Amino acid sequence: MYATDPNNHRVQRFDPDGNFLAAFGSIGQGTGQFISGPYGLSVDASGSVYASDLIGRVQKFDGSSGRSVGGWKVAGVSRLIATDDRGDIFIRDDNAGSIVKYRQR
């Protein structure tokens, strides 16, 4: 199980009993860092973790190691992100009130 911890600029990982296992992310604007967030969070079928922040970025992490494996800039602000079983990513643009679908290659 994963949870955002925006006050500490990280994502936390817990076991099924709720015991803390690890955290990844830190404050900043670099790879694996969050300046405002993370807020949106989703885990895909392969265990990759996607986290969105309030400055228009989505970052992808390896769920088991917490290592940053990519990311991209999105339009607007997003607190909501979801993935489907095909690997598509859906991000709500809070400013525009719309949902944008991204397909991974």
PDB file of N, CA and C in Angstrom:
ATOM      1  N   MET A   1       0.846  -1.153   0.000  1.00  0.00           N
ATOM      2  CA  MET A   1       0.000   0.000   0.000  1.00  0.00           C
ATOM      3  C   MET A   1       0.908   1.237   0.000  1.00  0.00           C
ATOM      4  N   TYR A   2       0.480   2.253  -0.725  1.00  0.00           N
ATOM      5  CA  TYR A   2       1.232   3.503  -0.836  1.00  0.00           C
ATOM      6  C   TYR A   2       0.356   4.669  -0.383  1.00  0.00           C
ATOM      7  N   ALA A   3       0.993   5.696   0.156  1.00  0.00           N
ATOM      8  CA  ALA A   3       0.277   6.903   0.563  1.00  0.00           C
ATOM      9  C   ALA A   3       1.157   8.113   0.288  1.00  0.00           C
ATOM     10  N   THR A   4       0.526   9.202  -0.129  1.00  0.00           N
ATOM     11  CA  THR A   4       1.291  10.439  -0.297  1.00  0.00           C
ATOM     12  C   THR A   4       1.505  11.086   1.058  1.00  0.00           C
ATOM     13  N   ASP A   5       2.602  11.784   1.171  1.00  0.00           N
ATOM     14  CA  ASP A   5       2.959  12.537   2.373  1.00  0.00           C
ATOM     15  C   ASP A   5       3.426  13.912   1.891  1.00  0.00           C
ATOM     16  N   PRO A   6       2.472  14.763   1.448  1.00  0.00           N
ATOM     17  CA  PRO A   6       2.869  16.040   0.835  1.00  0.00           C
ATOM     18  C   PRO A   6       3.610  16.987   1.778  1.00  0.00           C
ATOM     19  N   ASN A   7       3.365  16.899   3.074  1.00  0.00           N
ATOM     20  CA  ASN A   7       4.074  17.789   3.999  1.00  0.00           C
ATOM     21  C   ASN A   7       5.565  17.467   4.068  1.00  0.00           C
ATOM     22  N   ASN A   8       5.920  16.220   3.780  1.00  0.00           N
ATOM     23  CA  ASN A   8       7.323  15.814   3.781  1.00  0.00           C
ATOM     24  C   ASN A   8       7.844  15.518   2.377  1.00  0.00           C
ATOM     25  N   HIS A   9       7.040  15.822   1.343  1.00  0.00           N
ATOM     26  CA  HIS A   9       7.453  15.727  -0.059  1.00  0.00           C
ATOM     27  C   HIS A   9       7.888  14.316  -0.447  1.00  0.00           C
ATOM     28  N   ARG A  10       7.079  13.328  -0.075  1.00  0.00           N
ATOM     29  CA  ARG A  10       7.459  11.952  -0.359  1.00  0.00           C
ATOM     30  C   ARG A  10       6.238  11.040  -0.479  1.00  0.00           C
ATOM     31  N   VAL A  11       6.511   9.832  -0.932  1.00  0.00           N
ATOM     32  CA  VAL A  11       5.530   8.754  -0.988  1.00  0.00           C
ATOM     33  C   VAL A  11       5.977   7.712   0.030  1.00  0.00           C
ATOM     34  N   GLN A  12       5.022   7.180   0.783  1.00  0.00           N
ATOM     35  CA  GLN A  12       5.341   6.162   1.775  1.00  0.00           C
ATOM     36  C   GLN A  12       4.783   4.814   1.342  1.00  0.00           C
ATOM     37  N   ARG A  13       5.495   3.740   1.682  1.00  0.00           N
ATOM     38  CA  ARG A  13       5.053   2.377   1.351  1.00  0.00           C
ATOM     39  C   ARG A  13       4.848   1.596   2.646  1.00  0.00           C
ATOM     40  N   PHE A  14       3.720   0.855   2.697  1.00  0.00           N
ATOM     41  CA  PHE A  14       3.350   0.077   3.875  1.00  0.00           C
ATOM     42  C   PHE A  14       3.047  -1.358   3.476  1.00  0.00           C
ATOM     43  N   ASP A  15       3.205  -2.283   4.413  1.00  0.00           N
ATOM     44  CA  ASP A  15       2.823  -3.670   4.139  1.00  0.00           C
ATOM     45  C   ASP A  15       1.307  -3.822   4.364  1.00  0.00           C
ATOM     46  N   PRO A  16       0.741  -4.994   4.066  1.00  0.00           N
ATOM     47  CA  PRO A  16      -0.711  -5.181   4.210  1.00  0.00           C
ATOM     48  C   PRO A  16      -1.240  -4.965   5.635  1.00  0.00           C
ATOM     49  N   ASP A  17      -0.370  -5.061   6.647  1.00  0.00           N
ATOM     50  CA  ASP A  17      -0.783  -4.829   8.030  1.00  0.00           C
ATOM     51  C   ASP A  17      -0.641  -3.371   8.452  1.00  0.00           C
ATOM     52  N   GLY A  18      -0.182  -2.518   7.529  1.00  0.00           N
ATOM     53  CA  GLY A  18      -0.027  -1.099   7.834  1.00  0.00           C
ATOM     54  C   GLY A  18       1.314  -0.719   8.416  1.00  0.00           C
ATOM     55  N   ASN A  19       2.251  -1.639   8.416  1.00  0.00           N
ATOM     56  CA  ASN A  19       3.589  -1.333   8.922  1.00  0.00           C
ATOM     57  C   ASN A  19       4.395  -0.570   7.877  1.00  0.00           C
ATOM     58  N   PHE A  20       5.055   0.484   8.309  1.00  0.00           N
ATOM     59  CA  PHE A  20       5.880   1.304   7.425  1.00  0.00           C
ATOM     60  C   PHE A  20       7.042   0.485   6.894  1.00  0.00           C
ATOM     61  N   LEU A  21       7.257   0.547   5.555  1.00  0.00           N
ATOM     62  CA  LEU A  21       8.375  -0.162   4.918  1.00  0.00           C
ATOM     63  C   LEU A  21       9.441   0.779   4.392  1.00  0.00           C
ATOM     64  N   ALA A  22       9.021   1.837   3.713  1.00  0.00           N
ATOM     65  CA  ALA A  22       9.991   2.728   3.076  1.00  0.00           C
ATOM     66  C   ALA A  22       9.302   4.013   2.650  1.00  0.00           C
ATOM     67  N   ALA A  23      10.113   4.985   2.294  1.00  0.00           N
ATOM     68  CA  ALA A  23       9.618   6.246   1.727  1.00  0.00           C
ATOM     69  C   ALA A  23      10.557   6.655   0.613  1.00  0.00           C
ATOM     70  N   PHE A  24      10.015   7.324  -0.400  1.00  0.00           N
ATOM     71  CA  PHE A  24      10.859   7.862  -1.454  1.00  0.00           C
ATOM     72  C   PHE A  24      10.331   9.220  -1.870  1.00  0.00           C
ATOM     73  N   GLY A  25      11.264  10.039  -2.342  1.00  0.00           N
ATOM     74  CA  GLY A  25      10.977  11.425  -2.677  1.00  0.00           C
ATOM     75  C   GLY A  25      11.604  12.339  -1.643  1.00  0.00           C
ATOM     76  N   SER A  26      11.776  13.594  -2.026  1.00  0.00           N
ATOM     77  CA  SER A  26      12.322  14.605  -1.124  1.00  0.00           C
ATOM     78  C   SER A  26      11.905  15.974  -1.666  1.00  0.00           C
ATOM     79  N   ILE A  27      12.238  17.020  -0.946  1.00  0.00           N
ATOM     80  CA  ILE A  27      11.885  18.364  -1.387  1.00  0.00           C
ATOM     81  C   ILE A  27      12.848  18.831  -2.475  1.00  0.00           C
ATOM     82  N   GLY A  28      12.292  19.471  -3.492  1.00  0.00           N
ATOM     83  CA  GLY A  28      13.098  20.004  -4.579  1.00  0.00           C
ATOM     84  C   GLY A  28      12.368  19.905  -5.903  1.00  0.00           C
ATOM     85  N   GLN A  29      13.046  20.296  -6.962  1.00  0.00           N
ATOM     86  CA  GLN A  29      12.449  20.268  -8.292  1.00  0.00           C
ATOM     87  C   GLN A  29      13.146  19.286  -9.227  1.00  0.00           C
ATOM     88  N   GLY A  30      14.056  18.501  -8.710  1.00  0.00           N
ATOM     89  CA  GLY A  30      14.790  17.548  -9.529  1.00  0.00           C
ATOM     90  C   GLY A  30      14.059  16.223  -9.662  1.00  0.00           C
ATOM     91  N   THR A  31      14.729  15.283 -10.292  1.00  0.00           N
ATOM     92  CA  THR A  31      14.189  13.949 -10.475  1.00  0.00           C
ATOM     93  C   THR A  31      13.948  13.308  -9.116  1.00  0.00           C
ATOM     94  N   GLY A  32      12.746  12.764  -8.920  1.00  0.00           N
ATOM     95  CA  GLY A  32      12.406  12.115  -7.668  1.00  0.00           C
ATOM     96  C   GLY A  32      12.081  13.070  -6.535  1.00  0.00           C
ATOM     97  N   GLN A  33      11.971  14.360  -6.842  1.00  0.00           N
ATOM     98  CA  GLN A  33      11.691  15.362  -5.819  1.00  0.00           C
ATOM     99  C   GLN A  33      10.353  16.051  -6.091  1.00  0.00           C
ATOM    100  N   PHE A  34       9.790  16.613  -5.022  1.00  0.00           N
ATOM    101  CA  PHE A  34       8.513  17.321  -5.112  1.00  0.00           C
ATOM    102  C   PHE A  34       8.639  18.667  -4.420  1.00  0.00           C
ATOM    103  N   ILE A  35       8.203  19.717  -5.088  1.00  0.00           N
ATOM    104  CA  ILE A  35       8.215  21.035  -4.480  1.00  0.00           C
ATOM    105  C   ILE A  35       6.857  21.341  -3.857  1.00  0.00           C
ATOM    106  N   SER A  36       5.819  20.764  -4.432  1.00  0.00           N
ATOM    107  CA  SER A  36       4.457  20.962  -3.931  1.00  0.00           C
ATOM    108  C   SER A  36       3.696  19.645  -4.069  1.00  0.00           C
ATOM    109  N   GLY A  37       3.853  18.808  -3.111  1.00  0.00           N
ATOM    110  CA  GLY A  37       3.205  17.507  -3.177  1.00  0.00           C
ATOM    111  C   GLY A  37       4.182  16.429  -2.757  1.00  0.00           C
ATOM    112  N   PRO A  38       3.886  15.215  -3.100  1.00  0.00           N
ATOM    113  CA  PRO A  38       2.915  14.720  -4.077  1.00  0.00           C
ATOM    114  C   PRO A  38       1.496  14.667  -3.508  1.00  0.00           C
ATOM    115  N   TYR A  39       0.526  14.733  -4.423  1.00  0.00           N
ATOM    116  CA  TYR A  39      -0.878  14.629  -4.038  1.00  0.00           C
ATOM    117  C   TYR A  39      -1.555  13.465  -4.741  1.00  0.00           C
ATOM    118  N   GLY A  40      -1.518  13.425  -6.069  1.00  0.00           N
ATOM    119  CA  GLY A  40      -2.114  12.320  -6.802  1.00  0.00           C
ATOM    120  C   GLY A  40      -1.201  11.112  -6.758  1.00  0.00           C
ATOM    121  N   LEU A  41      -1.801   9.916  -6.696  1.00  0.00           N
ATOM    122  CA  LEU A  41      -1.006   8.702  -6.590  1.00  0.00           C
ATOM    123  C   LEU A  41      -1.761   7.540  -7.218  1.00  0.00           C
ATOM    124  N   SER A  42      -1.046   6.739  -8.006  1.00  0.00           N
ATOM    125  CA  SER A  42      -1.629   5.540  -8.590  1.00  0.00           C
ATOM    126  C   SER A  42      -0.531   4.507  -8.784  1.00  0.00           C
ATOM    127  N   VAL A  43      -0.927   3.235  -8.747  1.00  0.00           N
ATOM    128  CA  VAL A  43      -0.003   2.125  -8.967  1.00  0.00           C
ATOM    129  C   VAL A  43      -0.553   1.299 -10.116  1.00  0.00           C
ATOM    130  N   ASP A  44       0.290   1.015 -11.130  1.00  0.00           N
ATOM    131  CA  ASP A  44      -0.194   0.232 -12.270  1.00  0.00           C
ATOM    132  C   ASP A  44      -0.017  -1.257 -12.019  1.00  0.00           C
ATOM    133  N   ALA A  45      -0.454  -2.057 -12.969  1.00  0.00           N
ATOM    134  CA  ALA A  45      -0.442  -3.518 -12.830  1.00  0.00           C
ATOM    135  C   ALA A  45       0.965  -4.093 -12.666  1.00  0.00           C
ATOM    136  N   SER A  46       1.993  -3.391 -13.165  1.00  0.00           N
ATOM    137  CA  SER A  46       3.367  -3.890 -13.029  1.00  0.00           C
ATOM    138  C   SER A  46       4.046  -3.396 -11.752  1.00  0.00           C
ATOM    139  N   GLY A  47       3.339  -2.613 -10.945  1.00  0.00           N
ATOM    140  CA  GLY A  47       3.895  -2.137  -9.687  1.00  0.00           C
ATOM    141  C   GLY A  47       4.583  -0.797  -9.756  1.00  0.00           C
ATOM    142  N   SER A  48       4.535  -0.131 -10.913  1.00  0.00           N
ATOM    143  CA  SER A  48       5.093   1.213 -11.012  1.00  0.00           C
ATOM    144  C   SER A  48       4.173   2.196 -10.299  1.00  0.00           C
ATOM    145  N   VAL A  49       4.768   3.166  -9.637  1.00  0.00           N
ATOM    146  CA  VAL A  49       4.023   4.164  -8.871  1.00  0.00           C
ATOM    147  C   VAL A  49       4.105   5.495  -9.609  1.00  0.00           C
ATOM    148  N   TYR A  50       2.956   6.141  -9.778  1.00  0.00           N
ATOM    149  CA  TYR A  50       2.878   7.448 -10.422  1.00  0.00           C
ATOM    150  C   TYR A  50       2.414   8.453  -9.383  1.00  0.00           C
ATOM    151  N   ALA A  51       3.132   9.565  -9.273  1.00  0.00           N
ATOM    152  CA  ALA A  51       2.796  10.597  -8.305  1.00  0.00           C
ATOM    153  C   ALA A  51       2.744  11.945  -9.006  1.00  0.00           C
ATOM    154  N   SER A  52       1.686  12.696  -8.748  1.00  0.00           N
ATOM    155  CA  SER A  52       1.553  14.027  -9.351  1.00  0.00           C
ATOM    156  C   SER A  52       1.669  15.087  -8.266  1.00  0.00           C
ATOM    157  N   ASP A  53       2.133  16.259  -8.683  1.00  0.00           N
ATOM    158  CA  ASP A  53       2.270  17.369  -7.742  1.00  0.00           C
ATOM    159  C   ASP A  53       1.479  18.570  -8.233  1.00  0.00           C
ATOM    160  N   LEU A  54       1.568  19.663  -7.508  1.00  0.00           N
ATOM    161  CA  LEU A  54       0.781  20.841  -7.850  1.00  0.00           C
ATOM    162  C   LEU A  54       1.504  21.819  -8.747  1.00  0.00           C
ATOM    163  N   ILE A  55       2.667  21.442  -9.296  1.00  0.00           N
ATOM    164  CA  ILE A  55       3.348  22.317 -10.251  1.00  0.00           C
ATOM    165  C   ILE A  55       3.317  21.717 -11.650  1.00  0.00           C
ATOM    166  N   GLY A  56       2.411  20.750 -11.852  1.00  0.00           N
ATOM    167  CA  GLY A  56       2.209  20.201 -13.192  1.00  0.00           C
ATOM    168  C   GLY A  56       3.187  19.127 -13.598  1.00  0.00           C
ATOM    169  N   ARG A  57       3.634  18.312 -12.659  1.00  0.00           N
ATOM    170  CA  ARG A  57       4.529  17.213 -12.997  1.00  0.00           C
ATOM    171  C   ARG A  57       3.941  15.882 -12.539  1.00  0.00           C
ATOM    172  N   VAL A  58       4.229  14.847 -13.322  1.00  0.00           N
ATOM    173  CA  VAL A  58       3.932  13.476 -12.938  1.00  0.00           C
ATOM    174  C   VAL A  58       5.254  12.730 -12.962  1.00  0.00           C
ATOM    175  N   GLN A  59       5.525  11.980 -11.904  1.00  0.00           N
ATOM    176  CA  GLN A  59       6.755  11.210 -11.848  1.00  0.00           C
ATOM    177  C   GLN A  59       6.424   9.737 -11.692  1.00  0.00           C
ATOM    178  N   LYS A  60       7.237   8.905 -12.319  1.00  0.00           N
ATOM    179  CA  LYS A  60       7.066   7.460 -12.266  1.00  0.00           C
ATOM    180  C   LYS A  60       8.216   6.872 -11.451  1.00  0.00           C
ATOM    181  N   PHE A  61       7.867   5.967 -10.527  1.00  0.00           N
ATOM    182  CA  PHE A  61       8.848   5.331  -9.657  1.00  0.00           C
ATOM    183  C   PHE A  61       8.716   3.819  -9.750  1.00  0.00           C
ATOM    184  N   ASP A  62       9.825   3.130  -9.566  1.00  0.00           N
ATOM    185  CA  ASP A  62       9.793   1.686  -9.389  1.00  0.00           C
ATOM    186  C   ASP A  62       9.216   1.452  -7.990  1.00  0.00           C
ATOM    187  N   GLY A  63       8.122   0.725  -7.914  1.00  0.00           N
ATOM    188  CA  GLY A  63       7.435   0.554  -6.642  1.00  0.00           C
ATOM    189  C   GLY A  63       8.225  -0.199  -5.593  1.00  0.00           C
ATOM    190  N   SER A  64       9.066  -1.120  -5.999  1.00  0.00           N
ATOM    191  CA  SER A  64       9.802  -1.903  -5.010  1.00  0.00           C
ATOM    192  C   SER A  64      11.036  -1.178  -4.479  1.00  0.00           C
ATOM    193  N   SER A  65      11.713  -0.424  -5.344  1.00  0.00           N
ATOM    194  CA  SER A  65      12.938   0.256  -4.906  1.00  0.00           C
ATOM    195  C   SER A  65      12.735   1.735  -4.595  1.00  0.00           C
ATOM    196  N   GLY A  66      11.673   2.339  -5.130  1.00  0.00           N
ATOM    197  CA  GLY A  66      11.455   3.772  -4.960  1.00  0.00           C
ATOM    198  C   GLY A  66      12.297   4.621  -5.891  1.00  0.00           C
ATOM    199  N   ARG A  67      13.018   3.982  -6.804  1.00  0.00           N
ATOM    200  CA  ARG A  67      13.881   4.699  -7.748  1.00  0.00           C
ATOM    201  C   ARG A  67      13.034   5.405  -8.798  1.00  0.00           C
ATOM    202  N   SER A  68      13.356   6.657  -9.076  1.00  0.00           N
ATOM    203  CA  SER A  68      12.671   7.408 -10.122  1.00  0.00           C
ATOM    204  C   SER A  68      13.034   6.824 -11.481  1.00  0.00           C
ATOM    205  N   VAL A  69      12.021   6.549 -12.304  1.00  0.00           N
ATOM    206  CA  VAL A  69      12.272   5.974 -13.628  1.00  0.00           C
ATOM    207  C   VAL A  69      11.693   6.834 -14.745  1.00  0.00           C
ATOM    208  N   GLY A  70      11.306   8.054 -14.442  1.00  0.00           N
ATOM    209  CA  GLY A  70      10.817   8.937 -15.487  1.00  0.00           C
ATOM    210  C   GLY A  70       9.802   9.924 -14.967  1.00  0.00           C
ATOM    211  N   GLY A  71       9.335  10.728 -15.875  1.00  0.00           N
ATOM    212  CA  GLY A  71       8.325  11.715 -15.522  1.00  0.00           C
ATOM    213  C   GLY A  71       8.081  12.658 -16.674  1.00  0.00           C
ATOM    214  N   TRP A  72       7.075  13.476 -16.546  1.00  0.00           N
ATOM    215  CA  TRP A  72       6.760  14.439 -17.575  1.00  0.00           C
ATOM    216  C   TRP A  72       5.944  15.576 -16.993  1.00  0.00           C
ATOM    217  N   LYS A  73       5.910  16.653 -17.740  1.00  0.00           N
ATOM    218  CA  LYS A  73       5.161  17.851 -17.374  1.00  0.00           C
ATOM    219  C   LYS A  73       3.757  17.736 -17.943  1.00  0.00           C
ATOM    220  N   VAL A  74       2.768  18.152 -17.171  1.00  0.00           N
ATOM    221  CA  VAL A  74       1.383  18.172 -17.628  1.00  0.00           C
ATOM    222  C   VAL A  74       0.862  19.596 -17.522  1.00  0.00           C
ATOM    223  N   ALA A  75      -0.203  19.866 -18.254  1.00  0.00           N
ATOM    224  CA  ALA A  75      -0.824  21.188 -18.176  1.00  0.00           C
ATOM    225  C   ALA A  75      -1.630  21.270 -16.886  1.00  0.00           C
ATOM    226  N   GLY A  76      -1.541  22.366 -16.213  1.00  0.00           N
ATOM    227  CA  GLY A  76      -2.363  22.584 -15.035  1.00  0.00           C
ATOM    228  C   GLY A  76      -1.868  21.878 -13.786  1.00  0.00           C
ATOM    229  N   VAL A  77      -2.776  21.760 -12.840  1.00  0.00           N
ATOM    230  CA  VAL A  77      -2.519  21.202 -11.524  1.00  0.00           C
ATOM    231  C   VAL A  77      -3.297  19.902 -11.405  1.00  0.00           C
ATOM    232  N   SER A  78      -2.706  18.896 -10.790  1.00  0.00           N
ATOM    233  CA  SER A  78      -3.416  17.631 -10.663  1.00  0.00           C
ATOM    234  C   SER A  78      -3.266  17.028  -9.279  1.00  0.00           C
ATOM    235  N   ARG A  79      -4.405  16.727  -8.679  1.00  0.00           N
ATOM    236  CA  ARG A  79      -4.428  15.990  -7.421  1.00  0.00           C
ATOM    237  C   ARG A  79      -4.940  14.568  -7.628  1.00  0.00           C
ATOM    238  N   LEU A  80      -5.418  14.268  -8.845  1.00  0.00           N
ATOM    239  CA  LEU A  80      -5.985  12.953  -9.126  1.00  0.00           C
ATOM    240  C   LEU A  80      -5.273  12.303 -10.302  1.00  0.00           C
ATOM    241  N   ILE A  81      -4.903  11.046 -10.126  1.00  0.00           N
ATOM    242  CA  ILE A  81      -4.251  10.284 -11.181  1.00  0.00           C
ATOM    243  C   ILE A  81      -4.708   8.832 -11.035  1.00  0.00           C
ATOM    244  N   ALA A  82      -4.894   8.159 -12.155  1.00  0.00           N
ATOM    245  CA  ALA A  82      -5.321   6.756 -12.136  1.00  0.00           C
ATOM    246  C   ALA A  82      -4.681   6.025 -13.303  1.00  0.00           C
ATOM    247  N   THR A  83      -4.538   4.716 -13.163  1.00  0.00           N
ATOM    248  CA  THR A  83      -4.025   3.873 -14.239  1.00  0.00           C
ATOM    249  C   THR A  83      -5.026   2.753 -14.486  1.00  0.00           C
ATOM    250  N   ASP A  84      -5.016   2.231 -15.705  1.00  0.00           N
ATOM    251  CA  ASP A  84      -5.884   1.090 -15.997  1.00  0.00           C
ATOM    252  C   ASP A  84      -5.035  -0.141 -16.291  1.00  0.00           C
ATOM    253  N   ASP A  85      -5.685  -1.259 -16.548  1.00  0.00           N
ATOM    254  CA  ASP A  85      -4.960  -2.515 -16.737  1.00  0.00           C
ATOM    255  C   ASP A  85      -4.186  -2.583 -18.044  1.00  0.00           C
ATOM    256  N   ARG A  86      -4.386  -1.623 -18.942  1.00  0.00           N
ATOM    257  CA  ARG A  86      -3.613  -1.568 -20.191  1.00  0.00           C
ATOM    258  C   ARG A  86      -2.386  -0.674 -20.065  1.00  0.00           C
ATOM    259  N   GLY A  87      -2.238  -0.029 -18.923  1.00  0.00           N
ATOM    260  CA  GLY A  87      -1.101   0.855 -18.719  1.00  0.00           C
ATOM    261  C   GLY A  87      -1.382   2.301 -19.071  1.00  0.00           C
ATOM    262  N   ASP A  88      -2.628   2.612 -19.449  1.00  0.00           N
ATOM    263  CA  ASP A  88      -2.982   4.004 -19.716  1.00  0.00           C
ATOM    264  C   ASP A  88      -3.049   4.771 -18.396  1.00  0.00           C
ATOM    265  N   ILE A  89      -2.718   6.042 -18.454  1.00  0.00           N
ATOM    266  CA  ILE A  89      -2.691   6.897 -17.273  1.00  0.00           C
ATOM    267  C   ILE A  89      -3.689   8.027 -17.486  1.00  0.00           C
ATOM    268  N   PHE A  90      -4.512   8.276 -16.502  1.00  0.00           N
ATOM    269  CA  PHE A  90      -5.522   9.321 -16.562  1.00  0.00           C
ATOM    270  C   PHE A  90      -5.211  10.355 -15.494  1.00  0.00           C
ATOM    271  N   ILE A  91      -5.106  11.611 -15.921  1.00  0.00           N
ATOM    272  CA  ILE A  91      -4.752  12.686 -15.008  1.00  0.00           C
ATOM    273  C   ILE A  91      -5.794  13.786 -15.122  1.00  0.00           C
ATOM    274  N   ARG A  92      -6.322  14.191 -13.982  1.00  0.00           N
ATOM    275  CA  ARG A  92      -7.304  15.280 -13.966  1.00  0.00           C
ATOM    276  C   ARG A  92      -6.564  16.599 -13.880  1.00  0.00           C
ATOM    277  N   ASP A  93      -6.870  17.499 -14.803  1.00  0.00           N
ATOM    278  CA  ASP A  93      -6.346  18.856 -14.782  1.00  0.00           C
ATOM    279  C   ASP A  93      -7.326  19.676 -13.959  1.00  0.00           C
ATOM    280  N   ASP A  94      -6.949  19.989 -12.720  1.00  0.00           N
ATOM    281  CA  ASP A  94      -7.848  20.718 -11.823  1.00  0.00           C
ATOM    282  C   ASP A  94      -8.218  22.094 -12.367  1.00  0.00           C
ATOM    283  N   ASN A  95      -7.289  22.758 -13.040  1.00  0.00           N
ATOM    284  CA  ASN A  95      -7.552  24.100 -13.561  1.00  0.00           C
ATOM    285  C   ASN A  95      -8.584  24.077 -14.683  1.00  0.00           C
ATOM    286  N   ALA A  96      -8.454  23.127 -15.602  1.00  0.00           N
ATOM    287  CA  ALA A  96      -9.355  23.062 -16.753  1.00  0.00           C
ATOM    288  C   ALA A  96     -10.602  22.231 -16.473  1.00  0.00           C
ATOM    289  N   GLY A  97     -10.591  21.474 -15.384  1.00  0.00           N
ATOM    290  CA  GLY A  97     -11.726  20.614 -15.080  1.00  0.00           C
ATOM    291  C   GLY A  97     -11.876  19.491 -16.095  1.00  0.00           C
ATOM    292  N   SER A  98     -10.755  18.988 -16.594  1.00  0.00           N
ATOM    293  CA  SER A  98     -10.800  17.927 -17.609  1.00  0.00           C
ATOM    294  C   SER A  98      -9.896  16.776 -17.194  1.00  0.00           C
ATOM    295  N   ILE A  99     -10.050  15.656 -17.888  1.00  0.00           N
ATOM    296  CA  ILE A  99      -9.208  14.492 -17.666  1.00  0.00           C
ATOM    297  C   ILE A  99      -8.433  14.226 -18.947  1.00  0.00           C
ATOM    298  N   VAL A 100      -7.125  14.037 -18.803  1.00  0.00           N
ATOM    299  CA  VAL A 100      -6.257  13.782 -19.943  1.00  0.00           C
ATOM    300  C   VAL A 100      -5.763  12.340 -19.842  1.00  0.00           C
ATOM    301  N   LYS A 101      -5.808  11.634 -20.982  1.00  0.00           N
ATOM    302  CA  LYS A 101      -5.351  10.250 -21.021  1.00  0.00           C
ATOM    303  C   LYS A 101      -3.977  10.212 -21.680  1.00  0.00           C
ATOM    304  N   TYR A 102      -3.038   9.506 -21.035  1.00  0.00           N
ATOM    305  CA  TYR A 102      -1.703   9.303 -21.574  1.00  0.00           C
ATOM    306  C   TYR A 102      -1.525   7.816 -21.818  1.00  0.00           C
ATOM    307  N   ARG A 103      -0.948   7.488 -22.932  1.00  0.00           N
ATOM    308  CA  ARG A 103      -0.664   6.086 -23.262  1.00  0.00           C
ATOM    309  C   ARG A 103       0.838   5.888 -23.251  1.00  0.00           C
ATOM    310  N   GLN A 104       1.281   4.866 -22.541  1.00  0.00           N
ATOM    311  CA  GLN A 104       2.707   4.576 -22.499  1.00  0.00           C
ATOM    312  C   GLN A 104       3.110   3.799 -23.747  1.00  0.00           C
ATOM    313  N   ARG A 105       4.314   4.035 -24.169  1.00  0.00           N
ATOM    314  CA  ARG A 105       4.826   3.316 -25.340  1.00  0.00           C
ATOM    315  C   ARG A 105       5.556   2.085 -24.944  1.00  0.00           C
TER     316      ARG A 105
END
